[in-house]
Amino acid sequence: MNTSSTVTYPQEVEIHPNDLPLYCPNPTMNAKSWHPRVFLEIEATGKAMCPYCGTRYTLIGTPNSDHHHA
């Protein structure tokens, strides 16, 4: 049995405004478990969930909305 540390999904991830734009898989995920990159909208509600792996993201703080909308 492999006892190396593995990440189970879905996981809960807290992000900060300087981490935006939010995308999954995030840089801390194991490359073997990666799926196609998907950008997630989190600014409006402070929460987002990846449709591929179910990882749940929570925004800690307020995003800087400068230049987010054209």
C-alpha atoms as a PDB file:
ATOM      1  CA  MET A   1       0.000   0.000   0.000  1.00  0.00           C
ATOM      2  CA  ASN A   2       1.348   3.412  -0.958  1.00  0.00           C
ATOM      3  CA  THR A   3       1.634   5.613   2.126  1.00  0.00           C
ATOM      4  CA  SER A   4       2.871   8.746   0.374  1.00  0.00           C
ATOM      5  CA  SER A   5       0.731  11.794   0.980  1.00  0.00           C
ATOM      6  CA  THR A   6      -2.126  12.041  -1.443  1.00  0.00           C
ATOM      7  CA  VAL A   7      -4.746  14.700  -1.813  1.00  0.00           C
ATOM      8  CA  THR A   8      -8.327  13.564  -1.799  1.00  0.00           C
ATOM      9  CA  TYR A   9     -10.937  15.475  -3.717  1.00  0.00           C
ATOM     10  CA  PRO A  10     -12.949  17.523  -3.351  1.00  0.00           C
ATOM     11  CA  GLN A  11     -10.825  19.776  -1.232  1.00  0.00           C
ATOM     12  CA  GLU A  12     -11.485  23.167   0.358  1.00  0.00           C
ATOM     13  CA  VAL A  13      -9.156  25.998  -0.669  1.00  0.00           C
ATOM     14  CA  GLU A  14      -9.019  29.533   0.685  1.00  0.00           C
ATOM     15  CA  ILE A  15      -7.763  32.134  -1.767  1.00  0.00           C
ATOM     16  CA  HIS A  16      -6.919  35.798  -1.411  1.00  0.00           C
ATOM     17  CA  PRO A  17      -7.602  38.694  -3.788  1.00  0.00           C
ATOM     18  CA  ASN A  18      -3.992  38.624  -5.025  1.00  0.00           C
ATOM     19  CA  ASP A  19      -4.633  35.020  -6.225  1.00  0.00           C
ATOM     20  CA  LEU A  20      -7.206  36.212  -8.780  1.00  0.00           C
ATOM     21  CA  PRO A  21      -8.106  35.345 -11.445  1.00  0.00           C
ATOM     22  CA  LEU A  22      -9.072  31.999  -9.953  1.00  0.00           C
ATOM     23  CA  TYR A  23      -8.484  28.852 -11.935  1.00  0.00           C
ATOM     24  CA  CYS A  24      -8.471  25.135 -11.262  1.00  0.00           C
ATOM     25  CA  PRO A  25      -6.424  23.039 -11.083  1.00  0.00           C
ATOM     26  CA  ASN A  26      -4.519  25.353  -8.805  1.00  0.00           C
ATOM     27  CA  PRO A  27      -0.703  25.398  -8.648  1.00  0.00           C
ATOM     28  CA  THR A  28      -0.601  23.385  -5.390  1.00  0.00           C
ATOM     29  CA  MET A  29      -2.357  20.356  -6.889  1.00  0.00           C
ATOM     30  CA  ASN A  30      -0.476  17.222  -7.860  1.00  0.00           C
ATOM     31  CA  ALA A  31       0.175  17.288 -11.617  1.00  0.00           C
ATOM     32  CA  LYS A  32      -1.052  13.677 -11.934  1.00  0.00           C
ATOM     33  CA  SER A  33      -4.534  14.746 -10.887  1.00  0.00           C
ATOM     34  CA  TRP A  34      -4.788  17.752 -13.174  1.00  0.00           C
ATOM     35  CA  HIS A  35      -7.723  18.276 -15.468  1.00  0.00           C
ATOM     36  CA  PRO A  36      -8.231  20.951 -18.162  1.00  0.00           C
ATOM     37  CA  ARG A  37      -7.755  24.455 -16.734  1.00  0.00           C
ATOM     38  CA  VAL A  38     -11.022  26.195 -15.989  1.00  0.00           C
ATOM     39  CA  PHE A  39     -11.376  29.783 -14.795  1.00  0.00           C
ATOM     40  CA  LEU A  40     -13.880  30.217 -11.977  1.00  0.00           C
ATOM     41  CA  GLU A  41     -15.988  33.266 -11.119  1.00  0.00           C
ATOM     42  CA  ILE A  42     -15.676  33.943  -7.400  1.00  0.00           C
ATOM     43  CA  GLU A  43     -15.817  37.720  -7.115  1.00  0.00           C
ATOM     44  CA  ALA A  44     -19.617  38.081  -6.871  1.00  0.00           C
ATOM     45  CA  THR A  45     -20.353  35.499  -4.163  1.00  0.00           C
ATOM     46  CA  GLY A  46     -16.981  34.760  -2.554  1.00  0.00           C
ATOM     47  CA  LYS A  47     -17.401  31.040  -3.316  1.00  0.00           C
ATOM     48  CA  ALA A  48     -16.794  28.822  -6.329  1.00  0.00           C
ATOM     49  CA  MET A  49     -16.630  25.107  -7.107  1.00  0.00           C
ATOM     50  CA  CYS A  50     -14.685  23.399  -9.856  1.00  0.00           C
ATOM     51  CA  PRO A  51     -16.987  21.468 -12.213  1.00  0.00           C
ATOM     52  CA  TYR A  52     -14.232  18.886 -12.896  1.00  0.00           C
ATOM     53  CA  CYS A  53     -12.944  17.869  -9.468  1.00  0.00           C
ATOM     54  CA  GLY A  54     -15.387  19.484  -7.031  1.00  0.00           C
ATOM     55  CA  THR A  55     -12.719  21.542  -5.254  1.00  0.00           C
ATOM     56  CA  ARG A  56     -14.436  24.333  -3.333  1.00  0.00           C
ATOM     57  CA  TYR A  57     -12.840  27.761  -3.202  1.00  0.00           C
ATOM     58  CA  THR A  58     -13.561  30.529  -0.686  1.00  0.00           C
ATOM     59  CA  LEU A  59     -12.372  34.092  -1.212  1.00  0.00           C
ATOM     60  CA  ILE A  60     -10.831  35.648   1.885  1.00  0.00           C
ATOM     61  CA  GLY A  61     -11.018  39.436   1.592  1.00  0.00           C
ATOM     62  CA  THR A  62     -12.416  41.726  -1.072  1.00  0.00           C
ATOM     63  CA  PRO A  63     -11.233  41.568  -4.671  1.00  0.00           C
ATOM     64  CA  ASN A  64      -9.763  44.674  -6.221  1.00  0.00           C
ATOM     65  CA  SER A  65     -12.353  45.400  -8.882  1.00  0.00           C
ATOM     66  CA  ASP A  66     -10.212  47.879 -10.856  1.00  0.00           C
ATOM     67  CA  HIS A  67     -10.261  47.000 -14.560  1.00  0.00           C
ATOM     68  CA  HIS A  68     -12.254  43.776 -14.081  1.00  0.00           C
ATOM     69  CA  HIS A  69     -15.085  44.965 -16.348  1.00  0.00           C
ATOM     70  CA  ALA A  70     -14.714  46.509 -19.782  1.00  0.00           C
END
